[in-house]
Amino acid sequence: MDSSQWSSFLITAIGNFGFPIVITGYLLIRFEKKIEHLNDSIQALAQVIRDGGKSK
């Protein structure tokens, strides 16, 4: 494949797959905060379980 064919292929691939990649990136960034919050909640729950359910 020469450079002009490669360029054409690359432009076509970006055109075909660009939108889904952008949406996926947006969703990953958006859900990152929610995942971090869930992780914090799981860590707190694990600490409560380790302490035997005793309140501080």
PDB file of N, CA and C in Angstrom:
ATOM      1  N   MET A   1       0.854  -1.167   0.000  1.00  0.00           N
ATOM      2  CA  MET A   1       0.000   0.000   0.000  1.00  0.00           C
ATOM      3  C   MET A   1       0.904   1.236   0.000  1.00  0.00           C
ATOM      4  N   ASP A   2       0.769   2.098  -1.013  1.00  0.00           N
ATOM      5  CA  ASP A   2       1.604   3.303  -1.050  1.00  0.00           C
ATOM      6  C   ASP A   2       1.026   4.399  -0.154  1.00  0.00           C
ATOM      7  N   SER A   3       1.735   5.501  -0.043  1.00  0.00           N
ATOM      8  CA  SER A   3       1.362   6.538   0.918  1.00  0.00           C
ATOM      9  C   SER A   3       0.006   7.174   0.600  1.00  0.00           C
ATOM     10  N   SER A   4      -0.336   7.332  -0.664  1.00  0.00           N
ATOM     11  CA  SER A   4      -1.635   7.934  -0.993  1.00  0.00           C
ATOM     12  C   SER A   4      -2.782   6.987  -0.648  1.00  0.00           C
ATOM     13  N   GLN A   5      -2.596   5.688  -0.859  1.00  0.00           N
ATOM     14  CA  GLN A   5      -3.622   4.720  -0.475  1.00  0.00           C
ATOM     15  C   GLN A   5      -3.754   4.661   1.044  1.00  0.00           C
ATOM     16  N   TRP A   6      -2.614   4.721   1.738  1.00  0.00           N
ATOM     17  CA  TRP A   6      -2.632   4.682   3.197  1.00  0.00           C
ATOM     18  C   TRP A   6      -3.357   5.916   3.744  1.00  0.00           C
ATOM     19  N   SER A   7      -3.073   7.081   3.187  1.00  0.00           N
ATOM     20  CA  SER A   7      -3.730   8.316   3.624  1.00  0.00           C
ATOM     21  C   SER A   7      -5.237   8.233   3.397  1.00  0.00           C
ATOM     22  N   SER A   8      -5.621   7.724   2.240  1.00  0.00           N
ATOM     23  CA  SER A   8      -7.043   7.583   1.928  1.00  0.00           C
ATOM     24  C   SER A   8      -7.720   6.621   2.902  1.00  0.00           C
ATOM     25  N   PHE A   9      -7.055   5.506   3.184  1.00  0.00           N
ATOM     26  CA  PHE A   9      -7.589   4.533   4.136  1.00  0.00           C
ATOM     27  C   PHE A   9      -7.738   5.149   5.522  1.00  0.00           C
ATOM     28  N   LEU A  10      -6.715   5.891   5.950  1.00  0.00           N
ATOM     29  CA  LEU A  10      -6.729   6.506   7.276  1.00  0.00           C
ATOM     30  C   LEU A  10      -7.851   7.540   7.399  1.00  0.00           C
ATOM     31  N   ILE A  11      -8.023   8.362   6.385  1.00  0.00           N
ATOM     32  CA  ILE A  11      -9.092   9.370   6.404  1.00  0.00           C
ATOM     33  C   ILE A  11     -10.454   8.701   6.416  1.00  0.00           C
ATOM     34  N   THR A  12     -10.625   7.650   5.650  1.00  0.00           N
ATOM     35  CA  THR A  12     -11.891   6.916   5.643  1.00  0.00           C
ATOM     36  C   THR A  12     -12.166   6.270   6.994  1.00  0.00           C
ATOM     37  N   ALA A  13     -11.141   5.682   7.608  1.00  0.00           N
ATOM     38  CA  ALA A  13     -11.309   5.041   8.917  1.00  0.00           C
ATOM     39  C   ALA A  13     -11.690   6.066   9.974  1.00  0.00           C
ATOM     40  N   ILE A  14     -11.037   7.233   9.966  1.00  0.00           N
ATOM     41  CA  ILE A  14     -11.382   8.281  10.932  1.00  0.00           C
ATOM     42  C   ILE A  14     -12.815   8.746  10.700  1.00  0.00           C
ATOM     43  N   GLY A  15     -13.197   8.881   9.455  1.00  0.00           N
ATOM     44  CA  GLY A  15     -14.565   9.291   9.139  1.00  0.00           C
ATOM     45  C   GLY A  15     -15.584   8.270   9.597  1.00  0.00           C
ATOM     46  N   ASN A  16     -15.263   6.998   9.449  1.00  0.00           N
ATOM     47  CA  ASN A  16     -16.202   5.944   9.824  1.00  0.00           C
ATOM     48  C   ASN A  16     -16.244   5.698  11.328  1.00  0.00           C
ATOM     49  N   PHE A  17     -15.107   5.788  11.985  1.00  0.00           N
ATOM     50  CA  PHE A  17     -15.035   5.417  13.396  1.00  0.00           C
ATOM     51  C   PHE A  17     -14.813   6.595  14.333  1.00  0.00           C
ATOM     52  N   GLY A  18     -14.660   7.783  13.815  1.00  0.00           N
ATOM     53  CA  GLY A  18     -14.384   8.944  14.646  1.00  0.00           C
ATOM     54  C   GLY A  18     -15.490   9.248  15.641  1.00  0.00           C
ATOM     55  N   PHE A  19     -16.723   9.265  15.186  1.00  0.00           N
ATOM     56  CA  PHE A  19     -17.842   9.587  16.069  1.00  0.00           C
ATOM     57  C   PHE A  19     -17.960   8.606  17.230  1.00  0.00           C
ATOM     58  N   PRO A  20     -17.946   7.297  16.993  1.00  0.00           N
ATOM     59  CA  PRO A  20     -18.016   6.375  18.136  1.00  0.00           C
ATOM     60  C   PRO A  20     -16.851   6.536  19.106  1.00  0.00           C
ATOM     61  N   ILE A  21     -15.666   6.832  18.602  1.00  0.00           N
ATOM     62  CA  ILE A  21     -14.516   7.010  19.483  1.00  0.00           C
ATOM     63  C   ILE A  21     -14.710   8.250  20.349  1.00  0.00           C
ATOM     64  N   VAL A  22     -15.207   9.330  19.767  1.00  0.00           N
ATOM     65  CA  VAL A  22     -15.448  10.553  20.532  1.00  0.00           C
ATOM     66  C   VAL A  22     -16.503  10.313  21.603  1.00  0.00           C
ATOM     67  N   ILE A  23     -17.576   9.641  21.266  1.00  0.00           N
ATOM     68  CA  ILE A  23     -18.641   9.356  22.239  1.00  0.00           C
ATOM     69  C   ILE A  23     -18.112   8.458  23.353  1.00  0.00           C
ATOM     70  N   THR A  24     -17.323   7.461  23.014  1.00  0.00           N
ATOM     71  CA  THR A  24     -16.751   6.567  24.025  1.00  0.00           C
ATOM     72  C   THR A  24     -15.843   7.333  24.976  1.00  0.00           C
ATOM     73  N   GLY A  25     -15.013   8.194  24.447  1.00  0.00           N
ATOM     74  CA  GLY A  25     -14.143   9.011  25.288  1.00  0.00           C
ATOM     75  C   GLY A  25     -14.946   9.899  26.219  1.00  0.00           C
ATOM     76  N   TYR A  26     -15.996  10.525  25.700  1.00  0.00           N
ATOM     77  CA  TYR A  26     -16.862  11.379  26.525  1.00  0.00           C
ATOM     78  C   TYR A  26     -17.491  10.583  27.663  1.00  0.00           C
ATOM     79  N   LEU A  27     -18.018   9.421  27.349  1.00  0.00           N
ATOM     80  CA  LEU A  27     -18.660   8.603  28.374  1.00  0.00           C
ATOM     81  C   LEU A  27     -17.675   8.110  29.419  1.00  0.00           C
ATOM     82  N   LEU A  28     -16.476   7.733  28.992  1.00  0.00           N
ATOM     83  CA  LEU A  28     -15.459   7.291  29.949  1.00  0.00           C
ATOM     84  C   LEU A  28     -15.085   8.410  30.913  1.00  0.00           C
ATOM     85  N   ILE A  29     -14.925   9.613  30.393  1.00  0.00           N
ATOM     86  CA  ILE A  29     -14.596  10.745  31.257  1.00  0.00           C
ATOM     87  C   ILE A  29     -15.753  11.059  32.188  1.00  0.00           C
ATOM     88  N   ARG A  30     -16.962  11.004  31.670  1.00  0.00           N
ATOM     89  CA  ARG A  30     -18.144  11.319  32.474  1.00  0.00           C
ATOM     90  C   ARG A  30     -18.353  10.300  33.593  1.00  0.00           C
ATOM     91  N   PHE A  31     -18.167   9.042  33.280  1.00  0.00           N
ATOM     92  CA  PHE A  31     -18.396   7.991  34.270  1.00  0.00           C
ATOM     93  C   PHE A  31     -17.219   7.810  35.220  1.00  0.00           C
ATOM     94  N   GLU A  32     -16.086   8.414  34.918  1.00  0.00           N
ATOM     95  CA  GLU A  32     -14.914   8.260  35.783  1.00  0.00           C
ATOM     96  C   GLU A  32     -15.205   8.754  37.196  1.00  0.00           C
ATOM     97  N   LYS A  33     -15.884   9.886  37.317  1.00  0.00           N
ATOM     98  CA  LYS A  33     -16.207  10.425  38.638  1.00  0.00           C
ATOM     99  C   LYS A  33     -17.134   9.482  39.394  1.00  0.00           C
ATOM    100  N   LYS A  34     -18.097   8.911  38.689  1.00  0.00           N
ATOM    101  CA  LYS A  34     -19.021   7.987  39.343  1.00  0.00           C
ATOM    102  C   LYS A  34     -18.296   6.717  39.795  1.00  0.00           C
ATOM    103  N   ILE A  35     -17.370   6.257  38.990  1.00  0.00           N
ATOM    104  CA  ILE A  35     -16.603   5.060  39.346  1.00  0.00           C
ATOM    105  C   ILE A  35     -15.723   5.348  40.560  1.00  0.00           C
ATOM    106  N   GLU A  36     -15.125   6.539  40.615  1.00  0.00           N
ATOM    107  CA  GLU A  36     -14.311   6.908  41.773  1.00  0.00           C
ATOM    108  C   GLU A  36     -15.168   6.961  43.036  1.00  0.00           C
ATOM    109  N   HIS A  37     -16.373   7.502  42.920  1.00  0.00           N
ATOM    110  CA  HIS A  37     -17.283   7.559  44.068  1.00  0.00           C
ATOM    111  C   HIS A  37     -17.660   6.144  44.527  1.00  0.00           C
ATOM    112  N   LEU A  38     -17.932   5.262  43.591  1.00  0.00           N
ATOM    113  CA  LEU A  38     -18.249   3.880  43.942  1.00  0.00           C
ATOM    114  C   LEU A  38     -17.063   3.207  44.618  1.00  0.00           C
ATOM    115  N   ASN A  39     -15.867   3.473  44.132  1.00  0.00           N
ATOM    116  CA  ASN A  39     -14.665   2.911  44.733  1.00  0.00           C
ATOM    117  C   ASN A  39     -14.505   3.387  46.175  1.00  0.00           C
ATOM    118  N   ASP A  40     -14.737   4.685  46.407  1.00  0.00           N
ATOM    119  CA  ASP A  40     -14.656   5.215  47.776  1.00  0.00           C
ATOM    120  C   ASP A  40     -15.692   4.553  48.681  1.00  0.00           C
ATOM    121  N   SER A  41     -16.891   4.348  48.169  1.00  0.00           N
ATOM    122  CA  SER A  41     -17.949   3.707  48.953  1.00  0.00           C
ATOM    123  C   SER A  41     -17.594   2.261  49.286  1.00  0.00           C
ATOM    124  N   ILE A  42     -17.007   1.562  48.336  1.00  0.00           N
ATOM    125  CA  ILE A  42     -16.607   0.178  48.567  1.00  0.00           C
ATOM    126  C   ILE A  42     -15.497   0.117  49.619  1.00  0.00           C
ATOM    127  N   GLN A  43     -14.547   1.059  49.540  1.00  0.00           N
ATOM    128  CA  GLN A  43     -13.467   1.095  50.527  1.00  0.00           C
ATOM    129  C   GLN A  43     -14.015   1.374  51.923  1.00  0.00           C
ATOM    130  N   ALA A  44     -14.979   2.295  52.023  1.00  0.00           N
ATOM    131  CA  ALA A  44     -15.587   2.601  53.325  1.00  0.00           C
ATOM    132  C   ALA A  44     -16.343   1.389  53.855  1.00  0.00           C
ATOM    133  N   LEU A  45     -17.056   0.698  52.997  1.00  0.00           N
ATOM    134  CA  LEU A  45     -17.789  -0.499  53.404  1.00  0.00           C
ATOM    135  C   LEU A  45     -16.829  -1.591  53.869  1.00  0.00           C
ATOM    136  N   ALA A  46     -15.722  -1.753  53.178  1.00  0.00           N
ATOM    137  CA  ALA A  46     -14.727  -2.746  53.574  1.00  0.00           C
ATOM    138  C   ALA A  46     -14.153  -2.410  54.945  1.00  0.00           C
ATOM    139  N   GLN A  47     -13.940  -1.124  55.202  1.00  0.00           N
ATOM    140  CA  GLN A  47     -13.421  -0.709  56.507  1.00  0.00           C
ATOM    141  C   GLN A  47     -14.442  -1.001  57.607  1.00  0.00           C
ATOM    142  N   VAL A  48     -15.706  -0.761  57.339  1.00  0.00           N
ATOM    143  CA  VAL A  48     -16.754  -1.052  58.327  1.00  0.00           C
ATOM    144  C   VAL A  48     -16.814  -2.552  58.609  1.00  0.00           C
ATOM    145  N   ILE A  49     -16.679  -3.352  57.575  1.00  0.00           N
ATOM    146  CA  ILE A  49     -16.706  -4.806  57.747  1.00  0.00           C
ATOM    147  C   ILE A  49     -15.493  -5.249  58.568  1.00  0.00           C
ATOM    148  N   ARG A  50     -14.304  -4.676  58.300  1.00  0.00           N
ATOM    149  CA  ARG A  50     -13.105  -5.020  59.057  1.00  0.00           C
ATOM    150  C   ARG A  50     -13.246  -4.644  60.535  1.00  0.00           C
ATOM    151  N   ASP A  51     -13.908  -3.523  60.807  1.00  0.00           N
ATOM    152  CA  ASP A  51     -14.078  -3.060  62.177  1.00  0.00           C
ATOM    153  C   ASP A  51     -15.199  -3.804  62.902  1.00  0.00           C
ATOM    154  N   GLY A  52     -15.880  -4.667  62.224  1.00  0.00           N
ATOM    155  CA  GLY A  52     -16.953  -5.433  62.829  1.00  0.00           C
ATOM    156  C   GLY A  52     -18.243  -4.668  62.988  1.00  0.00           C
ATOM    157  N   GLY A  53     -18.401  -3.614  62.216  1.00  0.00           N
ATOM    158  CA  GLY A  53     -19.626  -2.839  62.252  1.00  0.00           C
ATOM    159  C   GLY A  53     -19.694  -1.849  63.410  1.00  0.00           C
ATOM    160  N   LYS A  54     -18.610  -1.660  64.129  1.00  0.00           N
ATOM    161  CA  LYS A  54     -18.582  -0.709  65.230  1.00  0.00           C
ATOM    162  C   LYS A  54     -18.538   0.703  64.684  1.00  0.00           C
ATOM    163  N   SER A  55     -19.321   1.583  65.267  1.00  0.00           N
ATOM    164  CA  SER A  55     -19.284   2.991  64.826  1.00  0.00           C
ATOM    165  C   SER A  55     -18.133   3.708  65.497  1.00  0.00           C
ATOM    166  N   LYS A  56     -17.622   4.736  64.851  1.00  0.00           N
ATOM    167  CA  LYS A  56     -16.467   5.471  65.376  1.00  0.00           C
ATOM    168  C   LYS A  56     -16.891   6.584  66.280  1.00  0.00           C
TER     169      LYS A  56
END
